[in-house]
């Protein structure tokens, strides 16, 4: 099953501040693991269970992605993106 991945307003602003290679890494994560198996990647950041805020760290690109998984709607919402220098 493939999840629909949506980017929230704060994540859009975060995406604008990323370098091109960091944006590419985020886009690859959106098309890959976040769409295919969002509960298996990342780790729980706040809360517990499928509705918890999760964090995926893209180490090579130096980006952290905060997201929520809505299993009943088969959706993933990217809440925030942080690029690390």
PDB file of N, CA and C in Angstrom:
ATOM      1  N   UNK A   1       0.843  -1.167   0.000  1.00  0.00           N
ATOM      2  CA  UNK A   1       0.000   0.000   0.000  1.00  0.00           C
ATOM      3  C   UNK A   1       0.897   1.242   0.000  1.00  0.00           C
ATOM      4  N   UNK A   2       0.557   2.206  -0.826  1.00  0.00           N
ATOM      5  CA  UNK A   2       1.321   3.449  -0.910  1.00  0.00           C
ATOM      6  C   UNK A   2       0.548   4.566  -0.222  1.00  0.00           C
ATOM      7  N   UNK A   3       1.226   5.251   0.678  1.00  0.00           N
ATOM      8  CA  UNK A   3       0.627   6.372   1.400  1.00  0.00           C
ATOM      9  C   UNK A   3       0.732   7.645   0.580  1.00  0.00           C
ATOM     10  N   UNK A   4      -0.275   8.491   0.676  1.00  0.00           N
ATOM     11  CA  UNK A   4      -0.225   9.819   0.072  1.00  0.00           C
ATOM     12  C   UNK A   4       0.563  10.710   1.027  1.00  0.00           C
ATOM     13  N   UNK A   5       1.577  11.387   0.524  1.00  0.00           N
ATOM     14  CA  UNK A   5       2.423  12.245   1.359  1.00  0.00           C
ATOM     15  C   UNK A   5       2.068  13.701   1.078  1.00  0.00           C
ATOM     16  N   UNK A   6       1.697  14.427   2.137  1.00  0.00           N
ATOM     17  CA  UNK A   6       1.359  15.849   2.032  1.00  0.00           C
ATOM     18  C   UNK A   6       2.405  16.652   2.794  1.00  0.00           C
ATOM     19  N   UNK A   7       2.667  17.847   2.328  1.00  0.00           N
ATOM     20  CA  UNK A   7       3.644  18.731   2.973  1.00  0.00           C
ATOM     21  C   UNK A   7       2.885  19.895   3.592  1.00  0.00           C
ATOM     22  N   UNK A   8       2.998  20.032   4.916  1.00  0.00           N
ATOM     23  CA  UNK A   8       2.323  21.109   5.636  1.00  0.00           C
ATOM     24  C   UNK A   8       2.992  22.455   5.414  1.00  0.00           C
ATOM     25  N   UNK A   9       2.338  23.542   5.855  1.00  0.00           N
ATOM     26  CA  UNK A   9       2.871  24.895   5.613  1.00  0.00           C
ATOM     27  C   UNK A   9       4.244  25.140   6.242  1.00  0.00           C
ATOM     28  N   UNK A  10       4.463  24.658   7.461  1.00  0.00           N
ATOM     29  CA  UNK A  10       5.780  24.857   8.090  1.00  0.00           C
ATOM     30  C   UNK A  10       6.856  24.083   7.332  1.00  0.00           C
ATOM     31  N   UNK A  11       6.515  22.899   6.860  1.00  0.00           N
ATOM     32  CA  UNK A  11       7.473  22.101   6.092  1.00  0.00           C
ATOM     33  C   UNK A  11       7.780  22.770   4.754  1.00  0.00           C
ATOM     34  N   UNK A  12       6.789  23.414   4.149  1.00  0.00           N
ATOM     35  CA  UNK A  12       7.029  24.145   2.886  1.00  0.00           C
ATOM     36  C   UNK A  12       8.037  25.265   3.106  1.00  0.00           C
ATOM     37  N   UNK A  13       7.870  25.987   4.210  1.00  0.00           N
ATOM     38  CA  UNK A  13       8.829  27.056   4.520  1.00  0.00           C
ATOM     39  C   UNK A  13      10.214  26.462   4.777  1.00  0.00           C
ATOM     40  N   UNK A  14      10.260  25.344   5.470  1.00  0.00           N
ATOM     41  CA  UNK A  14      11.540  24.681   5.715  1.00  0.00           C
ATOM     42  C   UNK A  14      12.192  24.208   4.426  1.00  0.00           C
ATOM     43  N   UNK A  15      11.381  23.707   3.500  1.00  0.00           N
ATOM     44  CA  UNK A  15      11.893  23.229   2.214  1.00  0.00           C
ATOM     45  C   UNK A  15      12.537  24.370   1.439  1.00  0.00           C
ATOM     46  N   UNK A  16      11.965  25.555   1.531  1.00  0.00           N
ATOM     47  CA  UNK A  16      12.504  26.715   0.813  1.00  0.00           C
ATOM     48  C   UNK A  16      13.893  27.103   1.316  1.00  0.00           C
ATOM     49  N   UNK A  17      14.186  26.775   2.568  1.00  0.00           N
ATOM     50  CA  UNK A  17      15.485  27.159   3.132  1.00  0.00           C
ATOM     51  C   UNK A  17      16.570  26.099   2.908  1.00  0.00           C
ATOM     52  N   UNK A  18      16.207  24.964   2.327  1.00  0.00           N
ATOM     53  CA  UNK A  18      17.181  23.889   2.117  1.00  0.00           C
ATOM     54  C   UNK A  18      17.994  24.116   0.856  1.00  0.00           C
ATOM     55  N   UNK A  19      19.201  23.572   0.867  1.00  0.00           N
ATOM     56  CA  UNK A  19      20.043  23.591  -0.332  1.00  0.00           C
ATOM     57  C   UNK A  19      19.454  22.599  -1.346  1.00  0.00           C
ATOM     58  N   UNK A  20      19.778  22.768  -2.635  1.00  0.00           N
ATOM     59  CA  UNK A  20      19.211  21.881  -3.664  1.00  0.00           C
ATOM     60  C   UNK A  20      19.425  20.390  -3.390  1.00  0.00           C
ATOM     61  N   UNK A  21      20.613  19.997  -2.937  1.00  0.00           N
ATOM     62  CA  UNK A  21      20.862  18.571  -2.679  1.00  0.00           C
ATOM     63  C   UNK A  21      20.038  18.071  -1.491  1.00  0.00           C
ATOM     64  N   UNK A  22      19.767  18.959  -0.526  1.00  0.00           N
ATOM     65  CA  UNK A  22      18.911  18.584   0.599  1.00  0.00           C
ATOM     66  C   UNK A  22      17.459  18.417   0.140  1.00  0.00           C
ATOM     67  N   UNK A  23      16.996  19.293  -0.733  1.00  0.00           N
ATOM     68  CA  UNK A  23      15.630  19.163  -1.281  1.00  0.00           C
ATOM     69  C   UNK A  23      15.489  17.867  -2.063  1.00  0.00           C
ATOM     70  N   UNK A  24      16.516  17.515  -2.841  1.00  0.00           N
ATOM     71  CA  UNK A  24      16.479  16.262  -3.594  1.00  0.00           C
ATOM     72  C   UNK A  24      16.358  15.073  -2.659  1.00  0.00           C
ATOM     73  N   UNK A  25      17.107  15.090  -1.557  1.00  0.00           N
ATOM     74  CA  UNK A  25      17.051  13.983  -0.594  1.00  0.00           C
ATOM     75  C   UNK A  25      15.667  13.872   0.039  1.00  0.00           C
ATOM     76  N   UNK A  26      15.050  15.009   0.356  1.00  0.00           N
ATOM     77  CA  UNK A  26      13.697  14.993   0.918  1.00  0.00           C
ATOM     78  C   UNK A  26      12.713  14.447  -0.113  1.00  0.00           C
ATOM     79  N   UNK A  27      12.818  14.905  -1.358  1.00  0.00           N
ATOM     80  CA  UNK A  27      11.930  14.396  -2.409  1.00  0.00           C
ATOM     81  C   UNK A  27      12.105  12.896  -2.615  1.00  0.00           C
ATOM     82  N   UNK A  28      13.338  12.405  -2.553  1.00  0.00           N
ATOM     83  CA  UNK A  28      13.580  10.962  -2.671  1.00  0.00           C
ATOM     84  C   UNK A  28      12.937  10.208  -1.505  1.00  0.00           C
ATOM     85  N   UNK A  29      13.002  10.776  -0.303  1.00  0.00           N
ATOM     86  CA  UNK A  29      12.375  10.140   0.866  1.00  0.00           C
ATOM     87  C   UNK A  29      10.858  10.131   0.732  1.00  0.00           C
ATOM     88  N   UNK A  30      10.307  11.195   0.167  1.00  0.00           N
ATOM     89  CA  UNK A  30       8.851  11.271  -0.030  1.00  0.00           C
ATOM     90  C   UNK A  30       8.397  10.200  -1.018  1.00  0.00           C
ATOM     91  N   UNK A  31       9.133  10.020  -2.101  1.00  0.00           N
ATOM     92  CA  UNK A  31       8.754   9.024  -3.103  1.00  0.00           C
ATOM     93  C   UNK A  31       9.101   7.611  -2.660  1.00  0.00           C
ATOM     94  N   UNK A  32      10.026   7.467  -1.736  1.00  0.00           N
ATOM     95  CA  UNK A  32      10.476   6.147  -1.309  1.00  0.00           C
ATOM     96  C   UNK A  32       9.885   5.721   0.018  1.00  0.00           C
ATOM     97  N   UNK A  33      10.693   5.763   1.083  1.00  0.00           N
ATOM     98  CA  UNK A  33      10.273   5.181   2.357  1.00  0.00           C
ATOM     99  C   UNK A  33       9.064   5.842   3.018  1.00  0.00           C
ATOM    100  N   UNK A  34       8.891   7.145   2.864  1.00  0.00           N
ATOM    101  CA  UNK A  34       7.728   7.779   3.500  1.00  0.00           C
ATOM    102  C   UNK A  34       6.426   7.371   2.828  1.00  0.00           C
ATOM    103  N   UNK A  35       6.452   7.108   1.546  1.00  0.00           N
ATOM    104  CA  UNK A  35       5.244   6.672   0.842  1.00  0.00           C
ATOM    105  C   UNK A  35       5.020   5.174   0.992  1.00  0.00           C
ATOM    106  N   UNK A  36       6.099   4.409   1.092  1.00  0.00           N
ATOM    107  CA  UNK A  36       5.979   2.953   1.112  1.00  0.00           C
ATOM    108  C   UNK A  36       5.823   2.350   2.504  1.00  0.00           C
ATOM    109  N   UNK A  37       6.597   2.853   3.473  1.00  0.00           N
ATOM    110  CA  UNK A  37       6.599   2.235   4.810  1.00  0.00           C
ATOM    111  C   UNK A  37       6.889   3.263   5.907  1.00  0.00           C
ATOM    112  N   UNK A  38       6.021   4.249   6.059  1.00  0.00           N
ATOM    113  CA  UNK A  38       6.306   5.359   6.978  1.00  0.00           C
ATOM    114  C   UNK A  38       6.407   4.956   8.448  1.00  0.00           C
ATOM    115  N   UNK A  39       5.762   3.869   8.839  1.00  0.00           N
ATOM    116  CA  UNK A  39       5.838   3.450  10.240  1.00  0.00           C
ATOM    117  C   UNK A  39       7.121   2.685  10.540  1.00  0.00           C
ATOM    118  N   UNK A  40       7.805   2.214   9.502  1.00  0.00           N
ATOM    119  CA  UNK A  40       9.033   1.440   9.691  1.00  0.00           C
ATOM    120  C   UNK A  40      10.289   2.291   9.669  1.00  0.00           C
ATOM    121  N   UNK A  41      10.201   3.493   9.109  1.00  0.00           N
ATOM    122  CA  UNK A  41      11.371   4.375   9.061  1.00  0.00           C
ATOM    123  C   UNK A  41      11.208   5.457  10.122  1.00  0.00           C
ATOM    124  N   UNK A  42      12.266   6.093  10.466  1.00  0.00           N
ATOM    125  CA  UNK A  42      12.190   7.139  11.487  1.00  0.00           C
ATOM    126  C   UNK A  42      11.953   6.553  12.861  1.00  0.00           C
ATOM    127  N   UNK A  43      11.753   7.424  13.805  1.00  0.00           N
ATOM    128  CA  UNK A  43      11.500   7.010  15.182  1.00  0.00           C
ATOM    129  C   UNK A  43      10.475   7.945  15.802  1.00  0.00           C
ATOM    130  N   UNK A  44       9.784   7.441  16.810  1.00  0.00           N
ATOM    131  CA  UNK A  44       8.796   8.272  17.483  1.00  0.00           C
ATOM    132  C   UNK A  44       9.502   9.435  18.161  1.00  0.00           C
ATOM    133  N   UNK A  45       8.995  10.626  17.924  1.00  0.00           N
ATOM    134  CA  UNK A  45       9.613  11.831  18.474  1.00  0.00           C
ATOM    135  C   UNK A  45       8.777  12.384  19.622  1.00  0.00           C
ATOM    136  N   UNK A  46       7.472  12.464  19.427  1.00  0.00           N
ATOM    137  CA  UNK A  46       6.535  12.903  20.466  1.00  0.00           C
ATOM    138  C   UNK A  46       5.308  12.010  20.401  1.00  0.00           C
ATOM    139  N   UNK A  47       4.930  11.427  21.520  1.00  0.00           N
ATOM    140  CA  UNK A  47       3.757  10.570  21.563  1.00  0.00           C
ATOM    141  C   UNK A  47       4.095   9.125  21.260  1.00  0.00           C
ATOM    142  N   UNK A  48       3.050   8.312  21.167  1.00  0.00           N
ATOM    143  CA  UNK A  48       3.207   6.876  20.915  1.00  0.00           C
ATOM    144  C   UNK A  48       2.192   6.419  19.873  1.00  0.00           C
ATOM    145  N   UNK A  49       2.488   5.325  19.218  1.00  0.00           N
ATOM    146  CA  UNK A  49       1.560   4.731  18.276  1.00  0.00           C
ATOM    147  C   UNK A  49       1.628   5.370  16.903  1.00  0.00           C
ATOM    148  N   UNK A  50       0.718   4.966  16.016  1.00  0.00           N
ATOM    149  CA  UNK A  50       0.764   5.461  14.643  1.00  0.00           C
ATOM    150  C   UNK A  50       0.512   6.958  14.512  1.00  0.00           C
ATOM    151  N   UNK A  51      -0.193   7.584  15.443  1.00  0.00           N
ATOM    152  CA  UNK A  51      -0.468   9.012  15.363  1.00  0.00           C
ATOM    153  C   UNK A  51       0.627   9.886  15.946  1.00  0.00           C
ATOM    154  N   UNK A  52       1.701   9.274  16.424  1.00  0.00           N
ATOM    155  CA  UNK A  52       2.797  10.024  17.045  1.00  0.00           C
ATOM    156  C   UNK A  52       3.536  10.860  16.009  1.00  0.00           C
ATOM    157  N   UNK A  53       4.114  11.944  16.471  1.00  0.00           N
ATOM    158  CA  UNK A  53       5.012  12.721  15.614  1.00  0.00           C
ATOM    159  C   UNK A  53       6.294  11.907  15.495  1.00  0.00           C
ATOM    160  N   UNK A  54       6.670  11.601  14.277  1.00  0.00           N
ATOM    161  CA  UNK A  54       7.857  10.782  14.025  1.00  0.00           C
ATOM    162  C   UNK A  54       8.941  11.649  13.398  1.00  0.00           C
ATOM    163  N   UNK A  55      10.187  11.212  13.513  1.00  0.00           N
ATOM    164  CA  UNK A  55      11.299  11.959  12.940  1.00  0.00           C
ATOM    165  C   UNK A  55      12.172  11.014  12.127  1.00  0.00           C
ATOM    166  N   UNK A  56      12.425  11.416  10.908  1.00  0.00           N
ATOM    167  CA  UNK A  56      13.333  10.691  10.022  1.00  0.00           C
ATOM    168  C   UNK A  56      14.538  11.584   9.789  1.00  0.00           C
ATOM    169  N   UNK A  57      15.718  11.076  10.088  1.00  0.00           N
ATOM    170  CA  UNK A  57      16.953  11.847   9.890  1.00  0.00           C
ATOM    171  C   UNK A  57      17.629  11.337   8.622  1.00  0.00           C
ATOM    172  N   UNK A  58      17.802  12.230   7.669  1.00  0.00           N
ATOM    173  CA  UNK A  58      18.510  11.928   6.432  1.00  0.00           C
ATOM    174  C   UNK A  58      19.948  12.399   6.639  1.00  0.00           C
ATOM    175  N   UNK A  59      20.764  11.514   7.179  1.00  0.00           N
ATOM    176  CA  UNK A  59      22.101  11.904   7.637  1.00  0.00           C
ATOM    177  C   UNK A  59      22.991  12.436   6.520  1.00  0.00           C
ATOM    178  N   UNK A  60      23.004  11.778   5.378  1.00  0.00           N
ATOM    179  CA  UNK A  60      23.891  12.224   4.297  1.00  0.00           C
ATOM    180  C   UNK A  60      23.516  13.618   3.800  1.00  0.00           C
ATOM    181  N   UNK A  61      22.216  13.930   3.827  1.00  0.00           N
ATOM    182  CA  UNK A  61      21.758  15.241   3.355  1.00  0.00           C
ATOM    183  C   UNK A  61      21.697  16.261   4.490  1.00  0.00           C
ATOM    184  N   UNK A  62      21.883  15.818   5.730  1.00  0.00           N
ATOM    185  CA  UNK A  62      21.840  16.702   6.895  1.00  0.00           C
ATOM    186  C   UNK A  62      20.478  17.374   7.039  1.00  0.00           C
ATOM    187  N   UNK A  63      19.417  16.559   6.982  1.00  0.00           N
ATOM    188  CA  UNK A  63      18.049  17.057   7.112  1.00  0.00           C
ATOM    189  C   UNK A  63      17.275  16.159   8.069  1.00  0.00           C
ATOM    190  N   UNK A  64      16.473  16.778   8.934  1.00  0.00           N
ATOM    191  CA  UNK A  64      15.541  16.041   9.791  1.00  0.00           C
ATOM    192  C   UNK A  64      14.127  16.336   9.308  1.00  0.00           C
ATOM    193  N   UNK A  65      13.321  15.285   9.207  1.00  0.00           N
ATOM    194  CA  UNK A  65      11.947  15.396   8.714  1.00  0.00           C
ATOM    195  C   UNK A  65      11.004  14.965   9.832  1.00  0.00           C
ATOM    196  N   UNK A  66      10.109  15.859  10.236  1.00  0.00           N
ATOM    197  CA  UNK A  66       9.087  15.521  11.223  1.00  0.00           C
ATOM    198  C   UNK A  66       7.790  15.222  10.498  1.00  0.00           C
ATOM    199  N   UNK A  67       7.153  14.088  10.823  1.00  0.00           N
ATOM    200  CA  UNK A  67       5.937  13.713  10.103  1.00  0.00           C
ATOM    201  C   UNK A  67       4.981  12.923  10.978  1.00  0.00           C
ATOM    202  N   UNK A  68       3.721  12.913  10.585  1.00  0.00           N
ATOM    203  CA  UNK A  68       2.678  12.117  11.233  1.00  0.00           C
ATOM    204  C   UNK A  68       2.094  11.161  10.205  1.00  0.00           C
ATOM    205  N   UNK A  69       1.728   9.968  10.675  1.00  0.00           N
ATOM    206  CA  UNK A  69       1.127   8.962   9.815  1.00  0.00           C
ATOM    207  C   UNK A  69      -0.337   8.814  10.216  1.00  0.00           C
ATOM    208  N   UNK A  70      -1.223   8.904   9.233  1.00  0.00           N
ATOM    209  CA  UNK A  70      -2.651   8.691   9.454  1.00  0.00           C
ATOM    210  C   UNK A  70      -3.024   7.387   8.748  1.00  0.00           C
ATOM    211  N   UNK A  71      -2.997   6.296   9.505  1.00  0.00           N
ATOM    212  CA  UNK A  71      -3.213   4.971   8.943  1.00  0.00           C
ATOM    213  C   UNK A  71      -4.615   4.848   8.354  1.00  0.00           C
ATOM    214  N   UNK A  72      -5.623   5.382   9.053  1.00  0.00           N
ATOM    215  CA  UNK A  72      -7.001   5.258   8.579  1.00  0.00           C
ATOM    216  C   UNK A  72      -7.229   5.985   7.251  1.00  0.00           C
ATOM    217  N   UNK A  73      -6.501   7.072   7.006  1.00  0.00           N
ATOM    218  CA  UNK A  73      -6.646   7.837   5.752  1.00  0.00           C
ATOM    219  C   UNK A  73      -5.568   7.474   4.736  1.00  0.00           C
ATOM    220  N   UNK A  74      -4.630   6.613   5.125  1.00  0.00           N
ATOM    221  CA  UNK A  74      -3.498   6.213   4.294  1.00  0.00           C
ATOM    222  C   UNK A  74      -2.750   7.459   3.815  1.00  0.00           C
ATOM    223  N   UNK A  75      -2.415   8.322   4.777  1.00  0.00           N
ATOM    224  CA  UNK A  75      -1.720   9.576   4.476  1.00  0.00           C
ATOM    225  C   UNK A  75      -0.559   9.799   5.439  1.00  0.00           C
ATOM    226  N   UNK A  76       0.420  10.511   4.948  1.00  0.00           N
ATOM    227  CA  UNK A  76       1.546  10.982   5.751  1.00  0.00           C
ATOM    228  C   UNK A  76       1.577  12.497   5.603  1.00  0.00           C
ATOM    229  N   UNK A  77       1.676  13.206   6.724  1.00  0.00           N
ATOM    230  CA  UNK A  77       1.812  14.659   6.666  1.00  0.00           C
ATOM    231  C   UNK A  77       3.191  15.036   7.180  1.00  0.00           C
ATOM    232  N   UNK A  78       3.965  15.695   6.339  1.00  0.00           N
ATOM    233  CA  UNK A  78       5.260  16.216   6.778  1.00  0.00           C
ATOM    234  C   UNK A  78       4.968  17.517   7.506  1.00  0.00           C
ATOM    235  N   UNK A  79       5.325  17.557   8.786  1.00  0.00           N
ATOM    236  CA  UNK A  79       5.005  18.693   9.645  1.00  0.00           C
ATOM    237  C   UNK A  79       6.112  19.736   9.600  1.00  0.00           C
ATOM    238  N   UNK A  80       7.364  19.301   9.648  1.00  0.00           N
ATOM    239  CA  UNK A  80       8.484  20.243   9.613  1.00  0.00           C
ATOM    240  C   UNK A  80       9.712  19.603   8.989  1.00  0.00           C
ATOM    241  N   UNK A  81      10.606  20.461   8.500  1.00  0.00           N
ATOM    242  CA  UNK A  81      11.884  20.065   7.933  1.00  0.00           C
ATOM    243  C   UNK A  81      12.951  20.970   8.527  1.00  0.00           C
ATOM    244  N   UNK A  82      14.047  20.380   8.946  1.00  0.00           N
ATOM    245  CA  UNK A  82      15.161  21.182   9.468  1.00  0.00           C
ATOM    246  C   UNK A  82      16.437  20.749   8.762  1.00  0.00           C
ATOM    247  N   UNK A  83      17.087  21.705   8.131  1.00  0.00           N
ATOM    248  CA  UNK A  83      18.383  21.451   7.505  1.00  0.00           C
ATOM    249  C   UNK A  83      19.478  21.775   8.498  1.00  0.00           C
ATOM    250  N   UNK A  84      20.456  20.899   8.567  1.00  0.00           N
ATOM    251  CA  UNK A  84      21.600  21.102   9.482  1.00  0.00           C
ATOM    252  C   UNK A  84      22.815  21.528   8.657  1.00  0.00           C
ATOM    253  N   UNK A  85      23.561  22.494   9.155  1.00  0.00           N
ATOM    254  CA  UNK A  85      24.741  22.954   8.398  1.00  0.00           C
ATOM    255  C   UNK A  85      25.832  21.896   8.321  1.00  0.00           C
TER     256      UNK A  85
END
